[in-house]
């Protein structure tokens, strides 16, 4: 896949269009669209960052908060999926805190 280069203004317009689209279409599946947007933009930023590159403090704070929010949602989602598919033996004793995501 080729790299696509866009300006900050174009990225802002794209982000605003996605946000507007999501708020206008608050129908089933919008969370999936939001996750796609988060993943796409995060991956783009990850690709653009140099190893060891420092961000402003407020940026690092927002990223850390976002990471914790996503981890919380994913752990709950995964726990609900696992606990609904298991019986009272073996995996049935799994607790929410047993799920480890990331580090």
C-alpha atoms as a PDB file:
ATOM      1  CA  UNK A   1       0.000   0.000   0.000  1.00  0.00           C
ATOM      2  CA  UNK A   2       1.332   3.430  -0.899  1.00  0.00           C
ATOM      3  CA  UNK A   3       1.628   6.172   1.690  1.00  0.00           C
ATOM      4  CA  UNK A   4      -0.944   8.894   1.363  1.00  0.00           C
ATOM      5  CA  UNK A   5       0.175  12.346   2.409  1.00  0.00           C
ATOM      6  CA  UNK A   6      -2.452  14.817   3.545  1.00  0.00           C
ATOM      7  CA  UNK A   7      -2.151  18.226   5.130  1.00  0.00           C
ATOM      8  CA  UNK A   8      -3.281  18.987   8.675  1.00  0.00           C
ATOM      9  CA  UNK A   9      -6.197  20.970   7.243  1.00  0.00           C
ATOM     10  CA  UNK A  10      -7.274  17.981   5.113  1.00  0.00           C
ATOM     11  CA  UNK A  11      -6.980  15.669   8.131  1.00  0.00           C
ATOM     12  CA  UNK A  12      -9.090  18.086  10.180  1.00  0.00           C
ATOM     13  CA  UNK A  13     -11.761  18.196   7.450  1.00  0.00           C
ATOM     14  CA  UNK A  14     -11.757  14.400   7.200  1.00  0.00           C
ATOM     15  CA  UNK A  15     -12.039  13.999  10.966  1.00  0.00           C
ATOM     16  CA  UNK A  16     -14.890  16.523  11.131  1.00  0.00           C
ATOM     17  CA  UNK A  17     -16.741  14.768   8.308  1.00  0.00           C
ATOM     18  CA  UNK A  18     -16.397  11.428  10.098  1.00  0.00           C
ATOM     19  CA  UNK A  19     -17.574  12.963  13.394  1.00  0.00           C
ATOM     20  CA  UNK A  20     -20.550  14.622  11.676  1.00  0.00           C
ATOM     21  CA  UNK A  21     -21.406  11.405   9.912  1.00  0.00           C
ATOM     22  CA  UNK A  22     -21.307   9.498  13.192  1.00  0.00           C
ATOM     23  CA  UNK A  23     -23.519  11.977  15.033  1.00  0.00           C
ATOM     24  CA  UNK A  24     -26.008  12.140  12.156  1.00  0.00           C
ATOM     25  CA  UNK A  25     -26.148   8.358  11.884  1.00  0.00           C
ATOM     26  CA  UNK A  26     -26.500   7.304  15.504  1.00  0.00           C
ATOM     27  CA  UNK A  27     -27.746   3.911  14.481  1.00  0.00           C
ATOM     28  CA  UNK A  28     -26.668   0.411  15.406  1.00  0.00           C
ATOM     29  CA  UNK A  29     -23.041  -0.129  14.479  1.00  0.00           C
ATOM     30  CA  UNK A  30     -21.818   3.418  15.090  1.00  0.00           C
ATOM     31  CA  UNK A  31     -19.408   2.126  17.762  1.00  0.00           C
ATOM     32  CA  UNK A  32     -17.826  -0.038  15.077  1.00  0.00           C
ATOM     33  CA  UNK A  33     -17.390   3.032  12.874  1.00  0.00           C
ATOM     34  CA  UNK A  34     -15.854   4.961  15.765  1.00  0.00           C
ATOM     35  CA  UNK A  35     -13.432   2.123  16.489  1.00  0.00           C
ATOM     36  CA  UNK A  36     -12.411   2.105  12.822  1.00  0.00           C
ATOM     37  CA  UNK A  37     -11.743   5.857  12.950  1.00  0.00           C
ATOM     38  CA  UNK A  38      -9.714   5.537  16.151  1.00  0.00           C
ATOM     39  CA  UNK A  39      -7.692   2.633  14.774  1.00  0.00           C
ATOM     40  CA  UNK A  40      -7.064   4.320  11.424  1.00  0.00           C
ATOM     41  CA  UNK A  41      -5.957   7.657  12.863  1.00  0.00           C
ATOM     42  CA  UNK A  42      -3.870   6.039  15.619  1.00  0.00           C
ATOM     43  CA  UNK A  43      -2.103   3.830  13.075  1.00  0.00           C
ATOM     44  CA  UNK A  44      -1.404   6.819  10.822  1.00  0.00           C
ATOM     45  CA  UNK A  45       0.115   8.748  13.728  1.00  0.00           C
ATOM     46  CA  UNK A  46       2.122   5.697  14.813  1.00  0.00           C
ATOM     47  CA  UNK A  47       3.566   5.387  11.300  1.00  0.00           C
ATOM     48  CA  UNK A  48       4.495   9.068  11.178  1.00  0.00           C
ATOM     49  CA  UNK A  49       6.215   9.194  14.581  1.00  0.00           C
ATOM     50  CA  UNK A  50       9.951   8.689  14.740  1.00  0.00           C
ATOM     51  CA  UNK A  51      11.396   6.296  17.336  1.00  0.00           C
ATOM     52  CA  UNK A  52      11.956   8.256  20.526  1.00  0.00           C
ATOM     53  CA  UNK A  53       9.986  11.258  19.286  1.00  0.00           C
ATOM     54  CA  UNK A  54       8.555  13.274  22.163  1.00  0.00           C
ATOM     55  CA  UNK A  55       5.045  14.681  22.157  1.00  0.00           C
ATOM     56  CA  UNK A  56       3.743  17.613  24.126  1.00  0.00           C
ATOM     57  CA  UNK A  57       2.645  16.697  27.649  1.00  0.00           C
ATOM     58  CA  UNK A  58      -1.046  17.280  26.928  1.00  0.00           C
ATOM     59  CA  UNK A  59      -0.836  14.929  23.920  1.00  0.00           C
ATOM     60  CA  UNK A  60       0.747  12.158  25.960  1.00  0.00           C
ATOM     61  CA  UNK A  61      -1.904  12.635  28.652  1.00  0.00           C
ATOM     62  CA  UNK A  62      -4.756  12.351  26.138  1.00  0.00           C
ATOM     63  CA  UNK A  63      -3.197   9.238  24.583  1.00  0.00           C
ATOM     64  CA  UNK A  64      -2.759   7.614  28.015  1.00  0.00           C
ATOM     65  CA  UNK A  65      -6.377   8.424  28.950  1.00  0.00           C
ATOM     66  CA  UNK A  66      -7.607   7.036  25.633  1.00  0.00           C
ATOM     67  CA  UNK A  67      -5.582   3.859  26.113  1.00  0.00           C
ATOM     68  CA  UNK A  68      -7.108   3.289  29.554  1.00  0.00           C
ATOM     69  CA  UNK A  69     -10.619   3.952  28.230  1.00  0.00           C
ATOM     70  CA  UNK A  70     -10.213   1.524  25.324  1.00  0.00           C
ATOM     71  CA  UNK A  71      -8.677  -1.139  27.591  1.00  0.00           C
ATOM     72  CA  UNK A  72     -11.620  -0.834  29.983  1.00  0.00           C
ATOM     73  CA  UNK A  73     -14.156  -1.221  27.177  1.00  0.00           C
ATOM     74  CA  UNK A  74     -12.307  -4.124  25.535  1.00  0.00           C
ATOM     75  CA  UNK A  75     -11.852  -5.989  28.829  1.00  0.00           C
ATOM     76  CA  UNK A  76     -15.561  -5.707  29.599  1.00  0.00           C
ATOM     77  CA  UNK A  77     -16.522  -6.693  26.053  1.00  0.00           C
ATOM     78  CA  UNK A  78     -14.143  -9.680  26.071  1.00  0.00           C
ATOM     79  CA  UNK A  79     -15.205 -10.774  29.552  1.00  0.00           C
ATOM     80  CA  UNK A  80     -18.874 -10.648  28.594  1.00  0.00           C
ATOM     81  CA  UNK A  81     -18.147 -12.656  25.427  1.00  0.00           C
ATOM     82  CA  UNK A  82     -16.093 -15.306  27.273  1.00  0.00           C
ATOM     83  CA  UNK A  83     -18.406 -15.617  30.273  1.00  0.00           C
ATOM     84  CA  UNK A  84     -21.488 -16.038  28.077  1.00  0.00           C
ATOM     85  CA  UNK A  85     -19.818 -18.869  26.121  1.00  0.00           C
ATOM     86  CA  UNK A  86     -18.410 -20.857  29.044  1.00  0.00           C
ATOM     87  CA  UNK A  87     -20.051 -23.190  31.493  1.00  0.00           C
ATOM     88  CA  UNK A  88     -19.402 -23.465  35.225  1.00  0.00           C
ATOM     89  CA  UNK A  89     -16.230 -25.482  34.709  1.00  0.00           C
ATOM     90  CA  UNK A  90     -12.716 -24.369  33.835  1.00  0.00           C
ATOM     91  CA  UNK A  91     -13.035 -20.993  32.133  1.00  0.00           C
ATOM     92  CA  UNK A  92     -16.267 -20.311  34.005  1.00  0.00           C
ATOM     93  CA  UNK A  93     -14.144 -19.189  36.966  1.00  0.00           C
ATOM     94  CA  UNK A  94     -12.565 -16.439  34.868  1.00  0.00           C
ATOM     95  CA  UNK A  95     -12.899 -12.996  36.377  1.00  0.00           C
ATOM     96  CA  UNK A  96     -12.779  -9.565  34.762  1.00  0.00           C
ATOM     97  CA  UNK A  97      -9.352  -8.906  36.327  1.00  0.00           C
ATOM     98  CA  UNK A  98      -7.901 -12.073  34.726  1.00  0.00           C
ATOM     99  CA  UNK A  99      -7.947 -10.384  31.323  1.00  0.00           C
ATOM    100  CA  UNK A 100      -4.596  -8.802  30.516  1.00  0.00           C
ATOM    101  CA  UNK A 101      -4.371  -6.393  27.612  1.00  0.00           C
ATOM    102  CA  UNK A 102      -1.204  -4.741  26.478  1.00  0.00           C
ATOM    103  CA  UNK A 103       1.887  -4.781  28.656  1.00  0.00           C
END
